[in-house]
Protein backbone atom coordinates (compact mmCIF):
# COMPACT_ATOMS: atom_id res chain seq x y z
CA MET A 1 -7.32 -8.56 -5.19
CA ARG A 2 -6.76 -5.18 -5.11
CA LYS A 3 -3.10 -4.42 -4.58
CA VAL A 4 -1.37 -1.37 -3.03
CA VAL A 5 2.23 -1.38 -2.74
CA LEU A 6 3.86 1.25 -0.55
CA ILE A 7 6.97 2.65 0.01
CA PRO A 8 8.25 5.23 2.84
CA THR A 9 11.29 7.36 1.07
CA TYR A 10 12.94 9.58 3.69
CA TRP A 11 14.68 12.36 2.97
CA SER A 12 16.84 15.38 4.91
CA ARG A 13 19.24 18.18 4.40
CA ALA A 14 22.14 18.51 2.47
CA LYS A 15 24.83 16.21 3.54
CA LYS A 16 26.60 17.30 6.68
CA GLU A 17 23.81 19.61 7.69
CA TRP A 18 21.32 18.89 10.43
CA LYS A 19 19.65 21.16 12.80
CA GLU A 20 18.01 20.72 16.39
CA GLY A 21 14.57 19.40 16.02
CA ASP A 22 14.63 17.66 12.60
CA ALA A 23 13.37 14.05 12.86
CA VAL A 24 16.16 11.45 13.27
CA TYR A 25 15.57 8.18 10.98
CA ASP A 26 18.56 5.45 10.45
CA HIS A 27 19.63 6.60 7.20
CA PRO A 28 17.76 9.41 5.68
CA THR A 29 18.60 10.40 1.84
CA PRO A 30 20.26 13.94 2.20
CA ILE A 31 18.58 16.07 -0.80
CA ASP A 32 21.60 16.58 -2.99
CA GLU A 33 22.09 13.04 -3.10
CA GLU A 34 20.40 9.75 -5.38
CA GLY A 35 20.19 7.20 -2.17
CA THR A 36 18.88 3.98 -2.61
CA LEU A 37 14.90 4.73 -3.94
CA GLY A 38 16.02 4.36 -7.71
CA ARG A 39 17.82 1.10 -7.23
CA THR A 40 14.66 -0.44 -5.46
CA LEU A 41 12.03 0.77 -8.52
CA GLU A 42 14.44 -0.52 -11.01
CA SER A 43 14.30 -3.83 -9.75
CA MET A 44 10.82 -4.00 -9.49
CA LYS A 45 10.81 -3.83 -13.75
CA LYS A 46 11.55 -7.69 -13.46
CA LEU A 47 8.17 -8.16 -11.41
CA THR A 48 6.14 -10.20 -14.42
CA GLN A 49 2.77 -8.42 -13.09
CA LYS A 50 2.40 -4.65 -12.16
CA ASP A 51 -0.80 -4.96 -11.47
CA PHE A 52 -0.78 -2.92 -8.69
CA LYS A 53 -0.92 1.04 -7.29
CA LEU A 54 2.62 1.91 -6.15
CA VAL A 55 2.32 4.69 -3.42
CA LEU A 56 5.85 6.56 -2.74
CA LEU A 57 5.57 8.37 0.56
CA ILE A 58 7.62 11.60 0.56
CA CYS A 59 9.11 11.91 4.46
CA PRO A 60 10.86 14.75 5.18
CA THR A 61 13.24 15.33 8.26
CA THR A 62 11.79 19.14 8.14
CA PRO A 63 9.34 20.81 6.28
CA GLU A 64 12.22 22.73 5.02
CA VAL A 65 13.06 20.09 2.15
CA ALA A 66 9.55 18.91 1.72
CA ASP A 67 9.81 20.43 -1.74
CA GLU A 68 12.74 20.11 -2.36
CA ALA A 69 12.46 16.13 -1.85
CA GLU A 70 9.14 15.88 -3.76
CA LYS A 71 11.13 17.02 -6.81
CA GLN A 72 13.93 14.22 -6.05
CA VAL A 73 11.32 11.58 -5.82
CA VAL A 74 9.50 12.64 -9.21
CA ARG A 75 12.47 12.92 -10.94
CA ILE A 76 13.94 9.46 -10.15
CA THR A 77 10.42 8.07 -10.27
CA ARG A 78 10.16 9.11 -13.69
CA GLU A 79 13.84 8.03 -14.98
CA VAL A 80 12.98 5.00 -13.66
CA ASN A 81 9.79 4.56 -15.85
CA LEU A 82 8.48 1.56 -14.08
CA GLN A 83 5.29 1.19 -16.05
CA ALA A 84 3.24 1.04 -12.68
CA GLU A 85 0.05 3.10 -11.88
CA THR A 86 2.43 5.53 -9.42
CA TYR A 87 1.59 8.03 -6.73
CA ILE A 88 3.58 9.87 -4.30
CA PHE A 89 1.69 11.11 -0.79
CA THR A 90 3.08 14.48 0.54
CA ILE A 91 2.86 16.12 3.86
CA SER A 92 0.59 18.55 2.08
CA ASP A 93 -1.36 16.27 0.57
CA LEU A 94 -2.07 14.61 4.52
CA ALA A 95 -2.87 18.38 5.15
CA LYS A 96 -5.59 18.55 2.83
CA ILE A 97 -6.93 14.96 3.58
CA SER A 98 -6.91 15.59 7.57
CA GLU A 99 -9.04 18.62 6.64
CA ILE A 100 -11.84 16.54 5.31
CA MET A 101 -11.27 14.47 8.47
CA TYR A 102 -11.62 16.93 10.97
CA GLU A 103 -15.12 17.98 9.15
CA SER A 104 -16.28 14.87 10.67
CA ASP A 105 -14.20 15.34 13.93
CA LYS A 106 -14.80 18.66 15.05
CA GLU A 107 -12.61 18.14 18.38
CA ARG A 108 -10.13 16.83 16.07
CA LYS A 109 -9.39 13.72 18.46
CA ILE A 110 -7.62 11.86 15.69
CA GLU A 111 -5.09 14.52 15.08
CA PRO A 112 -2.04 12.80 16.84
CA LEU A 113 -2.70 9.75 14.46
CA LEU A 114 -2.48 11.79 11.19
CA ASP A 115 1.30 12.53 11.64
CA MET A 116 4.29 12.04 8.89
CA ALA A 117 6.80 12.06 11.62
CA GLY A 118 8.17 8.74 13.26
CA TYR A 119 8.55 5.03 11.86
CA ALA A 120 5.56 4.16 13.34
CA ASN A 121 3.09 7.59 11.86
CA VAL A 122 4.66 6.73 8.76
CA ARG A 123 3.35 3.29 8.75
CA ASN A 124 0.13 4.48 9.72
CA MET A 125 -0.38 6.71 6.68
CA CYS A 126 1.03 3.67 4.35
CA LEU A 127 -2.02 2.01 5.53
CA LEU A 128 -4.18 5.27 5.15
CA CYS A 129 -3.42 5.56 1.91
CA ALA A 130 -3.87 2.03 0.72
CA ASP A 131 -7.54 2.74 2.66
CA ILE A 132 -8.06 5.66 0.15
CA LEU A 133 -7.16 3.49 -2.86
CA SER A 134 -9.81 1.04 -1.79
CA ALA A 135 -6.73 -1.95 -1.58
CA ASP A 136 -7.47 -5.22 -0.25
CA ALA A 137 -3.95 -5.76 0.36
CA ALA A 138 -1.49 -3.07 1.68
CA ILE A 139 2.09 -4.35 0.62
CA LEU A 140 4.97 -2.57 2.75
CA ILE A 141 8.24 -2.20 1.04
CA ASP A 142 11.10 0.09 2.09
CA ASP A 143 13.30 1.81 -0.07
CA ASP A 144 16.58 0.29 0.44
CA GLU A 145 15.60 -3.21 -0.72
CA ILE A 146 15.49 -5.13 -3.99
CA PHE A 147 13.16 -7.64 -5.59
CA GLU A 148 14.83 -10.44 -7.08
CA LYS A 149 11.81 -12.96 -7.46
CA THR A 150 9.84 -11.71 -10.57
CA ASP A 151 6.56 -13.06 -9.20
CA TRP A 152 7.15 -11.70 -5.63
CA ILE A 153 3.34 -9.63 -6.06
CA GLU A 154 1.73 -12.86 -6.64
CA ARG A 155 3.36 -14.90 -3.95
CA SER A 156 2.99 -12.10 -1.66
CA VAL A 157 -0.94 -12.22 -1.75
CA GLU A 158 -1.27 -15.74 -2.24
CA PHE A 159 -2.41 -16.86 0.66
CA LEU A 160 -3.68 -13.55 2.07
CA GLY A 161 -7.37 -14.03 3.41
CA LYS A 162 -7.27 -18.02 2.98
CA ARG A 163 -7.86 -20.27 5.90
CA ILE A 164 -4.66 -21.99 7.00
CA TYR A 165 -4.23 -24.27 9.99
CA GLY A 166 -7.57 -23.27 11.25
CA ASP A 167 -6.89 -19.69 11.30
CA VAL A 168 -7.50 -16.76 8.28
CA VAL A 169 -4.18 -15.04 7.21
CA TYR A 170 -5.09 -11.19 7.89
CA GLY A 171 -1.21 -10.53 7.66
CA MET A 172 1.90 -12.54 5.74
CA ALA A 173 5.53 -11.46 6.61
CA GLY A 174 8.22 -11.69 3.63
CA TYR A 175 11.72 -11.91 4.99
CA TYR A 176 14.98 -9.70 3.92
CA THR A 177 18.37 -11.43 2.40
CA ASN A 178 21.58 -9.92 3.10
CA LYS A 179 24.51 -9.08 0.10
CA TYR A 180 25.17 -12.69 1.18
CA ASP A 181 21.79 -14.35 0.63
CA GLN A 182 21.57 -14.90 4.14
CA TYR A 183 18.96 -14.33 6.13
CA TYR A 184 20.78 -13.50 9.28
CA ASP A 185 21.86 -10.38 10.73
CA ASP A 186 24.87 -9.16 8.94
CA VAL A 187 26.57 -8.35 12.03
CA LYS A 188 29.72 -9.38 14.25
CA MET A 189 29.07 -10.98 17.49
CA GLU A 190 31.16 -9.02 20.59
CA HIS A 191 32.05 -10.06 24.34
CA TRP A 192 29.35 -7.65 25.53
CA MET A 193 26.93 -9.32 23.92
CA THR A 194 27.01 -12.08 26.38
CA TYR A 195 23.89 -10.92 28.45
CA TRP A 196 22.43 -9.52 25.32
CA ASP A 197 22.03 -11.83 22.93
CA ARG A 198 19.50 -10.11 20.57
CA PHE A 199 20.85 -11.42 17.23
CA GLY A 200 21.30 -14.85 18.76
CA PHE A 201 17.75 -15.37 19.71
CA LYS A 202 16.99 -13.90 16.13
CA ALA A 203 18.96 -16.34 14.45
CA LYS A 204 17.49 -18.94 16.23
CA ALA A 205 13.68 -17.66 15.66
CA PHE A 206 14.83 -17.09 11.64
CA ASP A 207 15.93 -21.22 11.70
CA GLU A 208 12.84 -22.18 13.13
CA ILE A 209 10.64 -19.78 10.85
CA ILE A 210 12.44 -19.36 7.87
CA GLY A 211 14.38 -21.56 7.55
CA SER A 212 12.38 -24.83 7.95
CA PRO A 213 9.28 -26.24 6.47
CA PRO A 214 6.34 -25.58 5.95
CA ARG A 215 6.45 -23.00 3.54
CA VAL A 216 3.84 -21.07 5.60
CA LYS A 217 3.65 -20.64 9.38
CA ARG A 218 2.55 -18.53 12.16
CA THR A 219 5.54 -16.49 13.00
CA PRO A 220 6.72 -14.27 16.03
CA PHE A 221 8.34 -11.69 14.21
CA ALA A 222 7.66 -9.53 11.03
CA PHE A 223 9.72 -7.03 8.87
CA GLY A 224 8.37 -3.76 8.00
CA GLY A 225 9.93 -3.57 4.86
CA ALA A 226 8.42 -7.13 3.53
CA MET A 227 4.79 -6.76 5.88
CA ILE A 228 1.27 -7.96 3.73
CA LEU A 229 -1.88 -6.91 5.35
CA HIS A 230 -5.74 -7.49 4.71
CA ARG A 231 -7.74 -4.47 4.69
CA ASP A 232 -9.85 -5.98 7.69
CA LEU A 233 -6.72 -5.97 9.82
CA PHE A 234 -5.33 -2.77 8.43
CA GLN A 235 -8.83 -0.94 9.12
CA SER A 236 -8.95 -2.00 12.33
CA VAL A 237 -5.43 -2.05 13.57
CA PRO A 238 -2.87 0.70 13.31
CA PHE A 239 0.93 0.80 14.17
CA ASP A 240 1.26 2.33 17.64
CA PRO A 241 2.70 5.73 17.40
CA MET A 242 4.07 5.42 20.83
CA ILE A 243 6.60 3.24 19.78
CA THR A 244 9.83 4.69 18.08
CA ARG A 245 11.66 1.43 16.79
CA GLY A 246 10.58 -1.86 16.07
CA GLU A 247 7.30 -1.15 14.99
CA ASP A 248 7.03 -3.63 12.75
CA ILE A 249 6.93 -6.52 15.19
CA ASP A 250 5.00 -4.20 17.73
CA TYR A 251 2.16 -4.22 14.82
CA LEU A 252 2.40 -8.12 14.98
CA ILE A 253 1.56 -7.86 18.78
CA ASN A 254 -0.81 -5.35 18.46
CA SER A 255 -2.69 -7.64 16.01
CA ARG A 256 -2.63 -10.61 18.06
CA MET A 257 -4.04 -8.90 20.68
CA TYR A 258 -6.89 -8.53 18.33
CA GLY A 259 -6.96 -11.36 17.22
CA PHE A 260 -5.66 -11.31 13.96
CA SER A 261 -2.97 -14.26 13.12
CA PHE A 262 0.21 -13.14 11.50
CA PHE A 263 2.18 -16.10 9.03
CA LEU A 264 5.39 -16.00 7.24
CA ASP A 265 6.23 -17.44 3.81
CA ASN A 266 9.73 -18.85 4.05
CA THR A 267 9.95 -18.51 -0.03
CA LEU A 268 9.31 -14.47 -0.32
CA ALA A 269 12.61 -13.15 0.16
CA ILE A 270 14.08 -10.17 -0.77
CA LYS A 271 17.41 -8.34 -0.81
CA HIS A 272 17.89 -5.89 2.15
CA LEU A 273 20.37 -3.18 1.40
CA PRO A 274 20.55 -0.79 3.98
CA VAL A 275 23.18 1.96 4.40
CA PRO A 276 25.50 1.15 7.03
CA LYS A 277 24.37 2.45 10.13
CA LYS A 278 26.66 5.20 11.88
CA HIS A 279 25.12 5.57 15.20
CA PRO A 280 27.42 4.65 18.38
CA GLN A 281 26.83 0.87 19.86
CA TRP A 282 25.48 2.21 22.99
CA LYS A 283 22.89 4.33 21.21
CA ARG A 284 21.63 1.25 19.03
CA ILE A 285 21.26 -0.62 22.16
CA ARG A 286 19.15 2.17 23.85
CA GLU A 287 16.59 2.51 20.96
CA ASP A 288 16.11 -1.59 21.76
CA ILE A 289 15.61 -0.88 25.56
CA TYR A 290 13.20 1.79 25.12
CA ARG A 291 11.15 -0.51 22.51
CA PHE A 292 11.61 -3.64 24.56
CA VAL A 293 10.66 -1.35 28.14
CA TYR A 294 7.54 -0.35 26.12
CA GLU A 295 6.14 -3.40 24.72
CA ARG A 296 6.95 -5.69 27.93
CA GLU A 297 4.80 -2.76 29.87
CA LYS A 298 2.22 -2.91 27.37
CA ILE A 299 1.55 -6.71 27.88
CA ALA A 300 1.92 -6.63 31.23
CA SER A 301 -0.85 -4.05 31.69
CA GLN A 302 -3.10 -5.83 29.70
CA TYR A 303 -6.67 -6.51 31.25
CA LYS A 304 -9.54 -8.52 29.68
CA THR A 305 -11.79 -6.85 27.47
CA GLY A 306 -14.55 -8.12 25.25
CA ASN A 307 -13.15 -8.16 22.02
CA MET A 308 -9.39 -8.44 22.62
CA VAL A 309 -7.23 -11.69 23.43
CA MET A 310 -4.53 -12.11 26.33
CA ILE A 311 -0.90 -12.39 24.96
CA ALA A 312 2.33 -13.46 26.98
CA PRO A 313 5.81 -13.22 26.08
CA GLU A 314 5.93 -16.55 25.48
CA ASP A 315 3.81 -16.80 22.50
CA PHE A 316 6.43 -14.59 20.74
CA ASP A 317 9.47 -16.84 21.74
CA PRO A 318 12.36 -17.02 20.58
CA TYR A 319 12.36 -14.13 19.56
CA PRO A 320 11.23 -11.37 20.67
CA GLY A 321 9.78 -13.20 23.61
CA GLU A 322 13.17 -13.56 25.37
CA PHE A 323 13.50 -9.74 25.42
CA LEU A 324 9.65 -9.31 26.85
CA ARG A 325 10.20 -10.83 29.83
CA LYS A 326 10.69 -9.51 33.59
CA ASP A 327 14.78 -10.22 33.42
CA LEU A 328 14.80 -7.77 30.62
CA ASP A 329 15.98 -4.93 33.06
CA GLU A 330 18.72 -7.87 34.19
CA LYS A 331 19.71 -8.22 30.80
CA ILE A 332 20.40 -4.42 30.77
CA PHE A 333 22.35 -4.16 33.36
CA ARG A 334 24.31 -7.21 32.88
CA SER A 335 25.13 -6.15 28.78
CA ASN A 336 25.54 -2.53 29.39
CA MET A 337 28.18 -2.97 32.13
CA MET A 338 29.93 -4.83 30.10
CA LEU A 339 29.58 -2.93 27.03
CA ALA A 340 30.68 -0.02 29.82
CA THR A 341 34.05 -1.81 30.08
CA ASP A 342 34.74 -2.40 26.50
CA TYR A 343 35.04 1.42 25.99
CA MET A 344 37.13 2.03 28.85
CA LEU A 345 39.44 -0.53 27.67
CA LYS A 346 39.59 1.17 24.24
CA GLY A 347 39.92 4.35 25.93
CA ASP A 348 36.63 6.16 25.23
CA ALA A 349 35.07 7.52 28.21
CA ASP A 350 32.05 9.17 27.00
CA GLY A 351 30.92 5.68 25.22
CA ALA A 352 31.40 3.99 28.60
CA ALA A 353 29.03 7.36 30.43
CA GLU A 354 26.77 6.45 28.21
CA SER A 355 26.31 2.94 28.52
CA LEU A 356 26.03 3.40 32.32
CA ASN A 357 23.26 5.87 31.50
CA ASN A 358 21.60 3.14 29.57
CA ILE A 359 21.18 1.39 32.79
CA MET A 360 19.48 4.42 34.43
CA ILE A 361 17.13 4.89 31.37
CA ALA A 362 15.67 1.49 31.21
CA ALA A 363 14.75 2.40 35.06
CA LYS A 364 12.87 5.90 34.32
CA ASP A 365 12.66 7.32 31.35
CA ALA A 366 11.85 4.24 29.22
CA LYS A 367 8.83 2.78 31.52
CA PRO A 368 5.84 4.67 30.42
CA ASP A 369 4.22 6.74 32.97
CA TYR A 370 0.82 5.91 31.68
CA ASP A 371 -0.86 2.61 30.90
CA ALA A 372 0.61 1.41 27.72
CA PHE A 373 -2.38 -0.97 27.04
CA THR A 374 -4.84 1.25 27.74
CA ARG A 375 -3.38 3.80 25.24
CA TYR A 376 -2.84 1.89 22.79
CA ARG A 377 -6.69 0.57 23.08
CA ASN A 378 -8.00 4.26 22.94
CA ASN A 379 -5.53 4.71 19.96
CA GLN A 380 -6.99 1.46 18.10
CA LYS A 381 -10.44 2.90 18.55
CA LEU A 382 -9.77 6.36 16.91
CA TRP A 383 -7.93 4.69 14.15
CA GLU A 384 -11.62 2.77 13.56
CA GLN A 385 -12.63 6.03 13.52
CA VAL A 386 -10.26 7.15 11.07
CA THR A 387 -11.36 4.45 9.18
CA ALA A 388 -15.09 5.12 9.16
CA ILE A 389 -14.37 8.48 7.61
CA ILE A 390 -12.49 7.44 4.69
CA ASP A 391 -15.37 5.03 4.02
CA LYS A 392 -17.68 8.01 3.95
CA LYS A 393 -15.33 10.76 2.38
CA ARG A 394 -13.50 8.38 0.16
CA TYR A 395 -14.35 10.24 -3.37
CA GLU A 396 -12.88 13.78 -1.74
CA MET A 397 -9.63 11.97 -0.69
CA ARG A 398 -9.02 9.72 -3.70
CA LYS A 399 -9.38 12.94 -5.49
CA ILE A 400 -6.56 14.38 -3.99
CA MET A 401 -4.43 11.72 -4.02
CA GLU A 402 -5.26 11.52 -7.81
CA GLU A 403 -3.71 14.79 -8.11
CA HIS A 404 -0.16 13.60 -7.42
CA ASN A 405 -0.77 10.47 -9.96
CA LEU A 406 2.29 10.66 -11.71
CA SER A 407 0.89 8.01 -14.53
CA VAL A 408 -1.94 10.24 -15.55
CA SER A 409 -2.47 13.85 -16.23
CA PRO A 410 -4.43 15.44 -13.00
CA ILE A 411 -7.88 14.46 -12.62
CA LEU A 412 -10.46 17.77 -12.91
CA ARG A 413 -13.67 16.53 -12.24
CA ASP A 414 -16.90 18.57 -12.38
CA GLU A 415 -20.54 17.59 -11.72
CA GLU A 416 -20.70 15.66 -15.10
CA SER A 417 -17.56 13.56 -14.05
CA VAL A 418 -15.74 15.19 -17.75
CA ARG A 419 -12.65 16.58 -18.22
CA GLN A 420 -10.49 16.81 -21.34
CA LEU A 421 -7.84 14.77 -22.04
CA ASP A 422 -4.23 14.86 -23.64
CA THR A 423 -4.69 13.83 -27.33
CA GLY A 424 -1.64 11.89 -27.44
CA GLU A 425 -3.49 9.94 -24.12
CA ILE A 426 -6.43 9.18 -26.33
CA ILE A 427 -4.70 8.26 -29.72
CA GLU A 428 -3.13 5.60 -27.77
CA ALA A 429 -6.05 4.03 -26.01
CA ILE A 430 -7.90 4.16 -29.60
CA GLN A 431 -5.10 2.52 -31.25
CA LYS A 432 -4.87 -0.36 -28.83
CA ALA A 433 -8.75 -0.79 -28.87
CA PHE A 434 -9.00 -0.68 -32.77
CA ASP A 435 -7.55 -2.24 -35.77
CA PHE A 436 -7.55 0.11 -38.79
CA ASP A 437 -4.81 2.36 -40.49
CA ILE A 438 -5.20 6.13 -41.01
CA ASP A 439 -2.88 9.19 -41.03
CA ASP A 440 -1.95 11.53 -38.23
CA ASP A 441 -4.11 14.05 -38.91
CA SER A 442 -7.60 11.67 -39.03
CA TRP A 443 -6.40 10.08 -35.52
CA ASN A 444 -6.13 13.68 -34.12
CA LEU A 445 -9.97 14.34 -35.45
CA LEU A 446 -11.15 11.25 -34.17
CA ALA A 447 -9.44 11.76 -30.72
CA LYS A 448 -10.90 15.08 -30.51
CA LYS A 449 -14.74 13.77 -30.56
CA PHE A 450 -13.72 11.72 -27.69
CA ARG A 451 -13.95 12.74 -23.78
CA VAL A 452 -13.18 11.49 -20.48
CA SER A 453 -15.57 10.27 -17.48
CA THR A 454 -13.93 9.63 -13.68
CA TYR A 455 -15.75 7.15 -11.09
CA PHE A 456 -14.81 6.57 -7.82
CA GLU A 457 -15.31 2.81 -6.33
CA GLU A 458 -18.95 1.97 -5.59
CA GLU A 459 -20.21 4.58 -8.16
CA ILE A 460 -23.10 3.64 -10.79
CA LEU A 461 -22.27 4.18 -14.47
CA PHE A 462 -25.71 3.04 -15.38
CA ARG A 463 -28.24 1.09 -14.51
CA SER A 464 -31.08 -1.51 -16.10
CA GLY A 465 -32.89 0.43 -18.37
CA ASP A 466 -30.93 3.69 -19.00
CA PHE A 467 -30.55 4.46 -22.60
CA ASN A 468 -27.12 3.75 -24.22
CA GLU A 469 -25.66 6.98 -26.67
CA THR A 470 -22.18 6.23 -25.74
CA MET A 471 -19.61 3.81 -26.52
CA TYR A 472 -16.58 3.64 -23.85
CA ILE A 473 -13.05 2.31 -23.36
CA LEU A 474 -11.50 1.72 -20.04
CA LEU A 475 -8.36 3.31 -19.45
CA LYS A 476 -8.08 2.54 -15.74
CA GLY A 477 -9.62 0.70 -13.19
CA GLU A 478 -12.36 -1.88 -13.10
CA ILE A 479 -15.89 -1.69 -13.46
CA LEU A 480 -18.83 -4.63 -12.65
CA LEU A 481 -21.94 -5.24 -14.75
CA TYR A 482 -24.53 -7.44 -13.09
CA ALA A 483 -27.98 -8.55 -13.16
CA GLY A 484 -30.36 -7.82 -10.16
CA SER A 485 -29.73 -5.77 -6.95
CA ARG A 486 -27.93 -5.53 -3.69
CA GLU A 487 -30.97 -4.47 -2.02
CA THR A 488 -33.39 -7.25 -2.82
CA GLY A 489 -30.18 -9.79 -2.22
CA GLY A 490 -30.23 -11.40 -5.82
CA GLU A 491 -27.06 -9.78 -7.29
CA ILE A 492 -25.83 -11.88 -9.83
CA GLU A 493 -21.75 -10.65 -11.35
CA ILE A 494 -22.07 -11.05 -15.18
CA ALA A 495 -19.04 -9.97 -16.56
CA ARG A 496 -15.68 -7.64 -14.99
CA LEU A 497 -13.94 -4.79 -17.40
CA ARG A 498 -10.71 -3.87 -17.30
CA LYS A 499 -8.07 -1.65 -18.74
CA GLY A 500 -8.27 -1.48 -22.73
CA ASP A 501 -12.11 -3.23 -22.65
CA ILE A 502 -14.64 -1.17 -24.55
CA LEU A 503 -18.42 -0.83 -23.19
CA GLY A 504 -21.31 0.03 -25.06
CA GLU A 505 -20.32 -0.30 -28.59
CA SER A 506 -23.99 -1.14 -29.32
CA CYS A 507 -24.78 2.02 -28.71
CA MET A 508 -25.42 2.05 -32.56
CA THR A 509 -28.47 -0.43 -32.28
CA ASN A 510 -30.37 1.97 -30.21
CA GLN A 511 -30.98 -0.13 -27.18
CA PRO A 512 -30.98 0.58 -23.63
CA PHE A 513 -28.76 -1.10 -20.96
CA THR A 514 -30.32 -4.22 -19.50
CA LEU A 515 -27.59 -4.60 -17.12
CA ASN A 516 -26.35 -2.55 -14.13
CA CYS A 517 -22.72 -1.27 -13.94
CA ARG A 518 -20.78 -0.10 -11.47
CA ALA A 519 -16.83 1.03 -10.50
CA LEU A 520 -15.20 -1.29 -8.27
CA GLN A 521 -12.67 1.04 -7.95
CA PHE A 522 -11.65 4.53 -9.36
CA THR A 523 -12.26 4.33 -12.71
CA GLU A 524 -11.73 6.39 -15.81
CA LEU A 525 -13.35 5.85 -19.50
CA ILE A 526 -12.75 7.54 -22.53
CA GLY A 527 -16.42 7.77 -24.91
CA ILE A 528 -17.53 8.96 -27.93
CA ASN A 529 -21.06 9.91 -28.84
CA LYS A 530 -23.10 8.37 -31.35
CA HIS A 531 -24.21 11.20 -32.54
CA ASP A 532 -20.54 12.41 -32.80
CA ILE A 533 -19.90 9.23 -34.73
CA LEU A 534 -23.05 10.03 -36.93
CA LYS A 535 -21.47 13.72 -37.49
CA LEU A 536 -18.06 12.48 -38.24
CA ILE A 537 -19.67 9.82 -41.04
CA LYS A 538 -21.15 13.19 -42.60
CA VAL A 539 -17.85 15.65 -42.12
CA ASN A 540 -15.26 13.24 -42.92
CA PRO A 541 -17.14 9.75 -44.28
CA GLY A 542 -14.08 8.03 -45.30
CA LEU A 543 -13.05 8.20 -41.50
CA GLY A 544 -16.34 7.73 -40.35
CA VAL A 545 -16.93 4.95 -41.90
CA LYS A 546 -13.88 3.28 -41.28
CA PHE A 547 -14.54 3.86 -37.20
CA PHE A 548 -18.47 2.60 -37.75
CA GLN A 549 -17.34 -0.61 -39.27
CA GLN A 550 -14.72 -1.19 -36.41
CA VAL A 551 -17.46 -0.61 -34.27
CA LEU A 552 -19.93 -2.46 -35.66
CA MET A 553 -17.09 -5.30 -35.88
CA LYS A 554 -16.69 -5.21 -32.29
CA VAL A 555 -20.27 -5.91 -31.67
CA VAL A 556 -20.77 -8.85 -34.00
CA GLU A 557 -17.23 -10.15 -32.39
CA LYS A 558 -18.81 -10.16 -29.35
CA MET A 559 -22.37 -11.46 -30.14
CA ARG A 560 -20.38 -14.26 -31.80
CA THR A 561 -18.03 -15.24 -28.77
CA ASN A 562 -21.14 -14.82 -26.22
CA ASN A 563 -23.16 -17.20 -28.55
CA LEU A 564 -20.76 -19.56 -28.77
CA TYR A 565 -20.35 -19.54 -25.52
CA ASN A 566 -24.03 -19.61 -24.38
CA MET A 567 -24.74 -22.60 -26.93
CA SER A 568 -21.92 -24.73 -24.66
CA LYS A 569 -23.52 -24.12 -21.61
CA GLY A 570 -27.33 -24.39 -22.86
CA GLY A 571 -28.09 -20.11 -22.77
CA THR A 572 -29.62 -18.01 -20.76
CA ALA A 573 -31.83 -15.26 -20.96
CA VAL A 574 -29.11 -12.82 -18.94
CA GLN A 575 -26.59 -13.73 -21.15
CA ASP A 576 -28.38 -13.01 -23.90
CA THR A 577 -29.22 -9.88 -22.70
CA PHE A 578 -25.86 -9.00 -22.02
CA ILE A 579 -24.81 -9.53 -25.82
CA VAL A 580 -27.17 -7.14 -27.29
CA GLY A 581 -28.08 -4.35 -24.45
CA SER A 582 -25.80 -4.09 -22.09
CA GLU A 583 -22.54 -3.91 -24.43
């Protein structure tokens, strides 16, 4: 399963600087501070498996700090040196990808969905990146979290795409623990919360879903920083760009509407250590008012369609269902009256006024003046258009993302799929693939004979019958060797090769390929032509012979291994052919 971990990181102007029009997030990192990203990346070092691609989406509060934010993120990432394939994704990358999108959407109907301002939009860009990178699983994480379980990644996808209790797991939720290793919100209950017992209902939901068996169960809530999505889900269902907060639970609601099941794994904990919120209480409850009123209206405005499921607030009990009912207005009125009283007792007239203003906002501004259900359906259709364009234009979009791949040199690919690699990279790859001792000058001479080829997902490397003249070492990606063809319905998988594997060492035997080969994801190989090997023997006999011997040893080793396998299984013509012709 191809996994992509996506971490949005929010950056603002220098501390104490703010201008009207800047995007508002809970705790963006000022560009003159370190923030929490490095801590998150450092914690990822303990993960036992790093067979994922990591994308860091840089989300500035204003374009004016975009360049500086990028420098900070690149610096932090390089200092941590996670040893996982890492990309950064910027607003300039999105602009380039958007232009490719608009070639297929001249009227730019999808433009509102291609944005990196606002939590829901940022999450959608996470899904877009995962799709471009051909992910089977999009793993959404936040930059104020710490991994403590070494097998967190394996656990996160263990059930994804599998059937549990009659439903396929399309969405898997982990959960947060606080600094006390508890899954409850770290808040102090106050008198005014009597009628706005959001944390009480959350605690009840957490006890039912997180704190009790079985390990995996259906869930009415999810956490945006511990959310794992199957490609069938994220290619079909977008985050709702009309919601300003609580986009994670709203996504679960949207998924249910389209028939996708969400589960929670009560062993999938991640430590959440956010920067303390500085907003006053009246403002925090106002944010909740906007989200709950909007979601209530979206559910209330449902109508029957051919491809959706009718849902009700009760489907999400105890939380958030308790705040999606008709009595939400009553909750808002009573709680804000009590909050206003508390402010008055403390001598804070402004806080009291804003609390009373929340009641008016709930009655007027928070309620959308449009059909929220229809609006979301229209956005969902546009999202399917986005994913369809990605499927057709993935090659071009992937090329843009590879320009910000921090793990390798930039991909400069011509029509022959060839570029020149750094000598050190080639030497490192050869040393891992072969076992012989030569001096530095010889390594440099040998490295100059290699060049790189790149292939994007589903590109064909060769077909059965093609003449084999080159031996390759895989630097990254995954390729499939197979017999038959999709067209005839007779495709047979023979082998999958990954980083460090060798392909085509039988080039020295003058045999054509007898199998087909295509890239299963973006793949980069370094190759040496057999004629260059022969020239090397003439120019530098000592080095050439040593290398030629290594190649032949690989051929013999593979023949011996496969022959033993064939004898144990009775042997097949396809397996015998694989030994000589395709490798």
